[in-house]
Amino acid sequence: MIETDGFASHGTRQAFERDRLRDQRLKRAGYEPLRFTWRQLTIGPAWVADTVAAILARRAAR
């Protein structure tokens, strides 16, 4: 699971806590949340793509 994660979406402590709880629930369900910031996507899209590809390759090798 891939998400963009912007600074603005965590404007409050409650929003930050809610996101951490969501990640924990997803991990318990067998998902591996992978978060990228908007800045990472716009400044380094090749790095983001390479990271996703490496993670998918590692999962496929299992």
PDB file of N, CA and C in Angstrom:
ATOM      1  N   MET A   1       0.836  -1.169   0.000  1.00  0.00           N
ATOM      2  CA  MET A   1       0.000   0.000   0.000  1.00  0.00           C
ATOM      3  C   MET A   1       0.884   1.236   0.000  1.00  0.00           C
ATOM      4  N   ILE A   2       0.629   2.142  -0.899  1.00  0.00           N
ATOM      5  CA  ILE A   2       1.433   3.355  -1.032  1.00  0.00           C
ATOM      6  C   ILE A   2       0.535   4.560  -0.787  1.00  0.00           C
ATOM      7  N   GLU A   3       1.033   5.498   0.004  1.00  0.00           N
ATOM      8  CA  GLU A   3       0.299   6.720   0.296  1.00  0.00           C
ATOM      9  C   GLU A   3       1.209   7.921   0.169  1.00  0.00           C
ATOM     10  N   THR A   4       0.607   9.044  -0.179  1.00  0.00           N
ATOM     11  CA  THR A   4       1.332  10.300  -0.059  1.00  0.00           C
ATOM     12  C   THR A   4       0.997  10.840   1.319  1.00  0.00           C
ATOM     13  N   ASP A   5       1.942  11.489   1.919  1.00  0.00           N
ATOM     14  CA  ASP A   5       1.790  11.919   3.294  1.00  0.00           C
ATOM     15  C   ASP A   5       2.313  13.329   3.417  1.00  0.00           C
ATOM     16  N   GLY A   6       1.423  14.297   3.425  1.00  0.00           N
ATOM     17  CA  GLY A   6       1.842  15.682   3.474  1.00  0.00           C
ATOM     18  C   GLY A   6       1.858  16.247   4.878  1.00  0.00           C
ATOM     19  N   PHE A   7       2.677  17.249   5.076  1.00  0.00           N
ATOM     20  CA  PHE A   7       2.789  17.915   6.367  1.00  0.00           C
ATOM     21  C   PHE A   7       1.448  18.495   6.806  1.00  0.00           C
ATOM     22  N   ALA A   8       0.704  19.021   5.869  1.00  0.00           N
ATOM     23  CA  ALA A   8      -0.571  19.665   6.203  1.00  0.00           C
ATOM     24  C   ALA A   8      -1.600  18.683   6.765  1.00  0.00           C
ATOM     25  N   SER A   9      -1.515  17.432   6.370  1.00  0.00           N
ATOM     26  CA  SER A   9      -2.496  16.460   6.844  1.00  0.00           C
ATOM     27  C   SER A   9      -2.295  16.100   8.313  1.00  0.00           C
ATOM     28  N   HIS A  10      -1.160  16.487   8.881  1.00  0.00           N
ATOM     29  CA  HIS A  10      -0.898  16.223  10.294  1.00  0.00           C
ATOM     30  C   HIS A  10      -0.819  17.532  11.074  1.00  0.00           C
ATOM     31  N   GLY A  11      -1.762  18.393  10.845  1.00  0.00           N
ATOM     32  CA  GLY A  11      -1.755  19.695  11.499  1.00  0.00           C
ATOM     33  C   GLY A  11      -2.038  19.627  12.988  1.00  0.00           C
ATOM     34  N   THR A  12      -2.552  18.493  13.443  1.00  0.00           N
ATOM     35  CA  THR A  12      -2.853  18.350  14.866  1.00  0.00           C
ATOM     36  C   THR A  12      -2.267  17.044  15.392  1.00  0.00           C
ATOM     37  N   ARG A  13      -2.105  16.997  16.680  1.00  0.00           N
ATOM     38  CA  ARG A  13      -1.622  15.772  17.323  1.00  0.00           C
ATOM     39  C   ARG A  13      -2.606  14.631  17.066  1.00  0.00           C
ATOM     40  N   GLN A  14      -3.899  14.940  17.089  1.00  0.00           N
ATOM     41  CA  GLN A  14      -4.932  13.930  16.858  1.00  0.00           C
ATOM     42  C   GLN A  14      -4.805  13.318  15.460  1.00  0.00           C
ATOM     43  N   ALA A  15      -4.538  14.135  14.465  1.00  0.00           N
ATOM     44  CA  ALA A  15      -4.367  13.630  13.097  1.00  0.00           C
ATOM     45  C   ALA A  15      -3.143  12.726  13.003  1.00  0.00           C
ATOM     46  N   PHE A  16      -2.060  13.120  13.652  1.00  0.00           N
ATOM     47  CA  PHE A  16      -0.845  12.314  13.654  1.00  0.00           C
ATOM     48  C   PHE A  16      -1.100  10.972  14.329  1.00  0.00           C
ATOM     49  N   GLU A  17      -1.741  10.984  15.483  1.00  0.00           N
ATOM     50  CA  GLU A  17      -2.061   9.751  16.208  1.00  0.00           C
ATOM     51  C   GLU A  17      -2.992   8.850  15.390  1.00  0.00           C
ATOM     52  N   ARG A  18      -3.949   9.442  14.724  1.00  0.00           N
ATOM     53  CA  ARG A  18      -4.897   8.681  13.896  1.00  0.00           C
ATOM     54  C   ARG A  18      -4.170   7.963  12.755  1.00  0.00           C
ATOM     55  N   ASP A  19      -3.204   8.636  12.156  1.00  0.00           N
ATOM     56  CA  ASP A  19      -2.431   8.015  11.071  1.00  0.00           C
ATOM     57  C   ASP A  19      -1.586   6.844  11.584  1.00  0.00           C
ATOM     58  N   ARG A  20      -0.979   7.006  12.739  1.00  0.00           N
ATOM     59  CA  ARG A  20      -0.183   5.903  13.304  1.00  0.00           C
ATOM     60  C   ARG A  20      -1.070   4.700  13.618  1.00  0.00           C
ATOM     61  N   LEU A  21      -2.247   4.941  14.168  1.00  0.00           N
ATOM     62  CA  LEU A  21      -3.183   3.861  14.457  1.00  0.00           C
ATOM     63  C   LEU A  21      -3.613   3.160  13.165  1.00  0.00           C
ATOM     64  N   ARG A  22      -3.847   3.934  12.141  1.00  0.00           N
ATOM     65  CA  ARG A  22      -4.227   3.358  10.840  1.00  0.00           C
ATOM     66  C   ARG A  22      -3.123   2.452  10.310  1.00  0.00           C
ATOM     67  N   ASP A  23      -1.874   2.909  10.381  1.00  0.00           N
ATOM     68  CA  ASP A  23      -0.743   2.080   9.948  1.00  0.00           C
ATOM     69  C   ASP A  23      -0.672   0.776  10.736  1.00  0.00           C
ATOM     70  N   GLN A  24      -0.856   0.870  12.039  1.00  0.00           N
ATOM     71  CA  GLN A  24      -0.798  -0.331  12.879  1.00  0.00           C
ATOM     72  C   GLN A  24      -1.895  -1.325  12.507  1.00  0.00           C
ATOM     73  N   ARG A  25      -3.077  -0.828  12.244  1.00  0.00           N
ATOM     74  CA  ARG A  25      -4.186  -1.713  11.837  1.00  0.00           C
ATOM     75  C   ARG A  25      -3.894  -2.379  10.495  1.00  0.00           C
ATOM     76  N   LEU A  26      -3.342  -1.620   9.565  1.00  0.00           N
ATOM     77  CA  LEU A  26      -2.998  -2.182   8.259  1.00  0.00           C
ATOM     78  C   LEU A  26      -1.929  -3.257   8.391  1.00  0.00           C
ATOM     79  N   LYS A  27      -0.925  -3.006   9.224  1.00  0.00           N
ATOM     80  CA  LYS A  27       0.132  -3.998   9.427  1.00  0.00           C
ATOM     81  C   LYS A  27      -0.411  -5.268  10.062  1.00  0.00           C
ATOM     82  N   ARG A  28      -1.319  -5.130  10.993  1.00  0.00           N
ATOM     83  CA  ARG A  28      -1.942  -6.312  11.605  1.00  0.00           C
ATOM     84  C   ARG A  28      -2.726  -7.112  10.578  1.00  0.00           C
ATOM     85  N   ALA A  29      -3.258  -6.431   9.563  1.00  0.00           N
ATOM     86  CA  ALA A  29      -4.032  -7.097   8.509  1.00  0.00           C
ATOM     87  C   ALA A  29      -3.134  -7.651   7.398  1.00  0.00           C
ATOM     88  N   GLY A  30      -1.807  -7.465   7.524  1.00  0.00           N
ATOM     89  CA  GLY A  30      -0.891  -8.027   6.548  1.00  0.00           C
ATOM     90  C   GLY A  30      -0.406  -7.065   5.478  1.00  0.00           C
ATOM     91  N   TYR A  31      -0.757  -5.805   5.604  1.00  0.00           N
ATOM     92  CA  TYR A  31      -0.303  -4.805   4.631  1.00  0.00           C
ATOM     93  C   TYR A  31       0.942  -4.103   5.160  1.00  0.00           C
ATOM     94  N   GLU A  32       1.737  -3.571   4.250  1.00  0.00           N
ATOM     95  CA  GLU A  32       2.924  -2.812   4.625  1.00  0.00           C
ATOM     96  C   GLU A  32       2.786  -1.400   4.064  1.00  0.00           C
ATOM     97  N   PRO A  33       2.248  -0.490   4.867  1.00  0.00           N
ATOM     98  CA  PRO A  33       2.088   0.879   4.371  1.00  0.00           C
ATOM     99  C   PRO A  33       3.439   1.492   4.021  1.00  0.00           C
ATOM    100  N   LEU A  34       3.502   2.123   2.897  1.00  0.00           N
ATOM    101  CA  LEU A  34       4.718   2.780   2.431  1.00  0.00           C
ATOM    102  C   LEU A  34       4.343   4.223   2.132  1.00  0.00           C
ATOM    103  N   ARG A  35       4.882   5.130   2.894  1.00  0.00           N
ATOM    104  CA  ARG A  35       4.509   6.543   2.773  1.00  0.00           C
ATOM    105  C   ARG A  35       5.610   7.345   2.086  1.00  0.00           C
ATOM    106  N   PHE A  36       5.184   8.197   1.189  1.00  0.00           N
ATOM    107  CA  PHE A  36       6.080   9.156   0.539  1.00  0.00           C
ATOM    108  C   PHE A  36       5.479  10.532   0.688  1.00  0.00           C
ATOM    109  N   THR A  37       6.326  11.508   0.887  1.00  0.00           N
ATOM    110  CA  THR A  37       5.830  12.876   0.977  1.00  0.00           C
ATOM    111  C   THR A  37       5.613  13.432  -0.435  1.00  0.00           C
ATOM    112  N   TRP A  38       4.826  14.477  -0.482  1.00  0.00           N
ATOM    113  CA  TRP A  38       4.593  15.148  -1.772  1.00  0.00           C
ATOM    114  C   TRP A  38       5.920  15.647  -2.334  1.00  0.00           C
ATOM    115  N   ARG A  39       6.766  16.144  -1.452  1.00  0.00           N
ATOM    116  CA  ARG A  39       8.076  16.644  -1.891  1.00  0.00           C
ATOM    117  C   ARG A  39       8.921  15.517  -2.493  1.00  0.00           C
ATOM    118  N   GLN A  40       8.926  14.341  -1.861  1.00  0.00           N
ATOM    119  CA  GLN A  40       9.667  13.208  -2.406  1.00  0.00           C
ATOM    120  C   GLN A  40       9.139  12.828  -3.787  1.00  0.00           C
ATOM    121  N   LEU A  41       7.833  12.859  -3.947  1.00  0.00           N
ATOM    122  CA  LEU A  41       7.248  12.504  -5.243  1.00  0.00           C
ATOM    123  C   LEU A  41       7.583  13.510  -6.334  1.00  0.00           C
ATOM    124  N   THR A  42       7.642  14.780  -5.972  1.00  0.00           N
ATOM    125  CA  THR A  42       7.885  15.800  -6.997  1.00  0.00           C
ATOM    126  C   THR A  42       9.369  16.036  -7.267  1.00  0.00           C
ATOM    127  N   ILE A  43      10.208  15.887  -6.239  1.00  0.00           N
ATOM    128  CA  ILE A  43      11.639  16.135  -6.421  1.00  0.00           C
ATOM    129  C   ILE A  43      12.386  14.881  -6.865  1.00  0.00           C
ATOM    130  N   GLY A  44      11.950  13.721  -6.380  1.00  0.00           N
ATOM    131  CA  GLY A  44      12.679  12.494  -6.690  1.00  0.00           C
ATOM    132  C   GLY A  44      11.794  11.346  -7.131  1.00  0.00           C
ATOM    133  N   PRO A  45      10.998  11.545  -8.180  1.00  0.00           N
ATOM    134  CA  PRO A  45      10.083  10.473  -8.591  1.00  0.00           C
ATOM    135  C   PRO A  45      10.798   9.179  -8.991  1.00  0.00           C
ATOM    136  N   ALA A  46      11.998   9.292  -9.545  1.00  0.00           N
ATOM    137  CA  ALA A  46      12.739   8.075  -9.919  1.00  0.00           C
ATOM    138  C   ALA A  46      13.141   7.296  -8.673  1.00  0.00           C
ATOM    139  N   TRP A  47      13.550   8.008  -7.614  1.00  0.00           N
ATOM    140  CA  TRP A  47      13.916   7.355  -6.366  1.00  0.00           C
ATOM    141  C   TRP A  47      12.696   6.658  -5.754  1.00  0.00           C
ATOM    142  N   VAL A  48      11.560   7.319  -5.797  1.00  0.00           N
ATOM    143  CA  VAL A  48      10.326   6.717  -5.279  1.00  0.00           C
ATOM    144  C   VAL A  48      10.000   5.444  -6.063  1.00  0.00           C
ATOM    145  N   ALA A  49      10.056   5.527  -7.377  1.00  0.00           N
ATOM    146  CA  ALA A  49       9.772   4.354  -8.212  1.00  0.00           C
ATOM    147  C   ALA A  49      10.754   3.226  -7.943  1.00  0.00           C
ATOM    148  N   ASP A  50      12.039   3.552  -7.806  1.00  0.00           N
ATOM    149  CA  ASP A  50      13.051   2.528  -7.508  1.00  0.00           C
ATOM    150  C   ASP A  50      12.798   1.878  -6.150  1.00  0.00           C
ATOM    151  N   THR A  51      12.391   2.674  -5.174  1.00  0.00           N
ATOM    152  CA  THR A  51      12.105   2.149  -3.844  1.00  0.00           C
ATOM    153  C   THR A  51      10.931   1.179  -3.887  1.00  0.00           C
ATOM    154  N   VAL A  52       9.877   1.566  -4.563  1.00  0.00           N
ATOM    155  CA  VAL A  52       8.704   0.694  -4.691  1.00  0.00           C
ATOM    156  C   VAL A  52       9.083  -0.588  -5.427  1.00  0.00           C
ATOM    157  N   ALA A  53       9.838  -0.469  -6.494  1.00  0.00           N
ATOM    158  CA  ALA A  53      10.259  -1.653  -7.255  1.00  0.00           C
ATOM    159  C   ALA A  53      11.108  -2.588  -6.400  1.00  0.00           C
ATOM    160  N   ALA A  54      12.007  -2.030  -5.601  1.00  0.00           N
ATOM    161  CA  ALA A  54      12.857  -2.862  -4.739  1.00  0.00           C
ATOM    162  C   ALA A  54      12.035  -3.608  -3.699  1.00  0.00           C
ATOM    163  N   ILE A  55      11.063  -2.939  -3.126  1.00  0.00           N
ATOM    164  CA  ILE A  55      10.209  -3.587  -2.131  1.00  0.00           C
ATOM    165  C   ILE A  55       9.369  -4.683  -2.771  1.00  0.00           C
ATOM    166  N   LEU A  56       8.823  -4.404  -3.942  1.00  0.00           N
ATOM    167  CA  LEU A  56       8.028  -5.433  -4.642  1.00  0.00           C
ATOM    168  C   LEU A  56       8.895  -6.626  -5.035  1.00  0.00           C
ATOM    169  N   ALA A  57      10.117  -6.373  -5.471  1.00  0.00           N
ATOM    170  CA  ALA A  57      11.028  -7.462  -5.841  1.00  0.00           C
ATOM    171  C   ALA A  57      11.365  -8.314  -4.622  1.00  0.00           C
ATOM    172  N   ARG A  58      11.589  -7.666  -3.502  1.00  0.00           N
ATOM    173  CA  ARG A  58      11.900  -8.408  -2.283  1.00  0.00           C
ATOM    174  C   ARG A  58      10.728  -9.264  -1.845  1.00  0.00           C
ATOM    175  N   ARG A  59       9.537  -8.735  -1.973  1.00  0.00           N
ATOM    176  CA  ARG A  59       8.340  -9.529  -1.628  1.00  0.00           C
ATOM    177  C   ARG A  59       8.145 -10.694  -2.568  1.00  0.00           C
ATOM    178  N   ALA A  60       8.420 -10.487  -3.853  1.00  0.00           N
ATOM    179  CA  ALA A  60       8.250 -11.557  -4.839  1.00  0.00           C
ATOM    180  C   ALA A  60       9.260 -12.672  -4.615  1.00  0.00           C
ATOM    181  N   ALA A  61      10.430 -12.344  -4.074  1.00  0.00           N
ATOM    182  CA  ALA A  61      11.480 -13.328  -3.854  1.00  0.00           C
ATOM    183  C   ALA A  61      11.191 -14.229  -2.651  1.00  0.00           C
ATOM    184  N   ARG A  62      10.293 -13.817  -1.807  1.00  0.00           N
ATOM    185  CA  ARG A  62       9.974 -14.616  -0.614  1.00  0.00           C
ATOM    186  C   ARG A  62       9.214 -15.865  -0.950  1.00  0.00           C
TER     187      ARG A  62
END
